[in-house]
Amino acid sequence: MDGAGQGLREQARPCPQAGSLLRLSEALLQIAIVLISVSIVATLPWLAIFGGIIGAVGGLLMVNGYTLAIEIPFLAA
């Protein structure tokens, strides 16, 4: 393999922090869905707001997991 191919192979290696961020964002989004669903059944608007906040945090972590724009210290490997 030539030098250019080796350089591309190094760039393509997965980042462990990205996996951690994506797993955490998936969990937060699932929790948000459950909280919002429960708030509908229980007619608790504050629970829907709390679920929305958790969902927004999960969405931001998902975007960061794909772009790795911000390094989160407690998730760094």
C-alpha atoms as a PDB file:
ATOM      1  CA  MET A   1       0.000   0.000   0.000  1.00  0.00           C
ATOM      2  CA  ASP A   2       1.337   3.407  -0.897  1.00  0.00           C
ATOM      3  CA  GLY A   3       1.743   6.329   1.487  1.00  0.00           C
ATOM      4  CA  ALA A   4      -1.507   8.030   0.487  1.00  0.00           C
ATOM      5  CA  GLY A   5      -3.510   4.870   1.146  1.00  0.00           C
ATOM      6  CA  GLN A   6      -1.909   4.436   4.547  1.00  0.00           C
ATOM      7  CA  GLY A   7      -2.772   8.040   5.446  1.00  0.00           C
ATOM      8  CA  LEU A   8      -6.417   7.455   4.535  1.00  0.00           C
ATOM      9  CA  ARG A   9      -6.472   4.267   6.588  1.00  0.00           C
ATOM     10  CA  GLU A  10      -5.221   6.205   9.633  1.00  0.00           C
ATOM     11  CA  GLN A  11      -7.928   8.840   9.146  1.00  0.00           C
ATOM     12  CA  ALA A  12     -10.649   6.193   8.855  1.00  0.00           C
ATOM     13  CA  ARG A  13      -9.945   4.587  12.243  1.00  0.00           C
ATOM     14  CA  PRO A  14     -12.924   5.004  14.568  1.00  0.00           C
ATOM     15  CA  CYS A  15     -12.691   7.391  17.479  1.00  0.00           C
ATOM     16  CA  PRO A  16     -13.663   5.836  20.838  1.00  0.00           C
ATOM     17  CA  GLN A  17     -15.098   9.127  22.065  1.00  0.00           C
ATOM     18  CA  ALA A  18     -17.531   9.216  19.130  1.00  0.00           C
ATOM     19  CA  GLY A  19     -18.944   5.835  20.128  1.00  0.00           C
ATOM     20  CA  SER A  20     -19.394   6.948  23.723  1.00  0.00           C
ATOM     21  CA  LEU A  21     -21.141  10.131  22.651  1.00  0.00           C
ATOM     22  CA  LEU A  22     -23.471   8.299  20.307  1.00  0.00           C
ATOM     23  CA  ARG A  23     -24.391   5.691  22.929  1.00  0.00           C
ATOM     24  CA  LEU A  24     -25.064   8.408  25.515  1.00  0.00           C
ATOM     25  CA  SER A  25     -27.134  10.453  23.069  1.00  0.00           C
ATOM     26  CA  GLU A  26     -29.169   7.373  22.131  1.00  0.00           C
ATOM     27  CA  ALA A  27     -29.934   6.685  25.793  1.00  0.00           C
ATOM     28  CA  LEU A  28     -30.918  10.305  26.450  1.00  0.00           C
ATOM     29  CA  LEU A  29     -33.213  10.379  23.425  1.00  0.00           C
ATOM     30  CA  GLN A  30     -34.932   7.166  24.520  1.00  0.00           C
ATOM     31  CA  ILE A  31     -35.398   8.525  28.049  1.00  0.00           C
ATOM     32  CA  ALA A  32     -36.842  11.728  26.595  1.00  0.00           C
ATOM     33  CA  ILE A  33     -39.339   9.781  24.501  1.00  0.00           C
ATOM     34  CA  VAL A  34     -40.484   7.820  27.545  1.00  0.00           C
ATOM     35  CA  LEU A  35     -40.795  10.935  29.711  1.00  0.00           C
ATOM     36  CA  ILE A  36     -42.823  12.796  27.110  1.00  0.00           C
ATOM     37  CA  SER A  37     -45.073   9.766  26.580  1.00  0.00           C
ATOM     38  CA  VAL A  38     -45.685   9.463  30.321  1.00  0.00           C
ATOM     39  CA  SER A  39     -46.401  13.183  30.565  1.00  0.00           C
ATOM     40  CA  ILE A  40     -49.157  12.794  27.968  1.00  0.00           C
ATOM     41  CA  VAL A  41     -50.812   9.956  29.883  1.00  0.00           C
ATOM     42  CA  ALA A  42     -50.340  11.578  33.303  1.00  0.00           C
ATOM     43  CA  THR A  43     -51.164  15.111  32.050  1.00  0.00           C
ATOM     44  CA  LEU A  44     -48.026  16.569  33.626  1.00  0.00           C
ATOM     45  CA  PRO A  45     -46.746  19.413  31.439  1.00  0.00           C
ATOM     46  CA  TRP A  46     -43.583  19.891  33.501  1.00  0.00           C
ATOM     47  CA  LEU A  47     -42.562  16.309  32.686  1.00  0.00           C
ATOM     48  CA  ALA A  48     -42.934  17.055  28.967  1.00  0.00           C
ATOM     49  CA  ILE A  49     -40.705  20.105  29.355  1.00  0.00           C
ATOM     50  CA  PHE A  50     -38.120  18.061  31.263  1.00  0.00           C
ATOM     51  CA  GLY A  51     -38.251  15.361  28.579  1.00  0.00           C
ATOM     52  CA  GLY A  52     -37.811  18.012  25.899  1.00  0.00           C
ATOM     53  CA  ILE A  53     -34.719  19.367  27.632  1.00  0.00           C
ATOM     54  CA  ILE A  54     -33.237  15.870  27.924  1.00  0.00           C
ATOM     55  CA  GLY A  55     -34.067  15.248  24.259  1.00  0.00           C
ATOM     56  CA  ALA A  56     -32.362  18.489  23.218  1.00  0.00           C
ATOM     57  CA  VAL A  57     -29.234  17.524  25.153  1.00  0.00           C
ATOM     58  CA  GLY A  58     -29.327  14.094  23.509  1.00  0.00           C
ATOM     59  CA  GLY A  59     -29.657  15.692  20.083  1.00  0.00           C
ATOM     60  CA  LEU A  60     -26.713  18.006  20.706  1.00  0.00           C
ATOM     61  CA  LEU A  61     -24.579  15.093  21.891  1.00  0.00           C
ATOM     62  CA  MET A  62     -25.534  13.151  18.767  1.00  0.00           C
ATOM     63  CA  VAL A  63     -24.419  15.994  16.500  1.00  0.00           C
ATOM     64  CA  ASN A  64     -21.210  16.297  18.510  1.00  0.00           C
ATOM     65  CA  GLY A  65     -20.686  12.529  18.203  1.00  0.00           C
ATOM     66  CA  TYR A  66     -20.662  12.833  14.415  1.00  0.00           C
ATOM     67  CA  THR A  67     -18.656  16.046  14.162  1.00  0.00           C
ATOM     68  CA  LEU A  68     -16.454  15.773  17.297  1.00  0.00           C
ATOM     69  CA  ALA A  69     -16.513  19.560  17.493  1.00  0.00           C
ATOM     70  CA  ILE A  70     -16.276  19.682  21.292  1.00  0.00           C
ATOM     71  CA  GLU A  71     -14.252  17.293  23.424  1.00  0.00           C
ATOM     72  CA  ILE A  72     -16.100  16.253  26.571  1.00  0.00           C
ATOM     73  CA  PRO A  73     -13.524  15.465  29.291  1.00  0.00           C
ATOM     74  CA  PHE A  74     -15.372  12.695  31.166  1.00  0.00           C
ATOM     75  CA  LEU A  75     -15.951  10.787  27.901  1.00  0.00           C
ATOM     76  CA  ALA A  76     -12.378  11.029  26.642  1.00  0.00           C
ATOM     77  CA  ALA A  77     -10.659   7.677  26.397  1.00  0.00           C
END
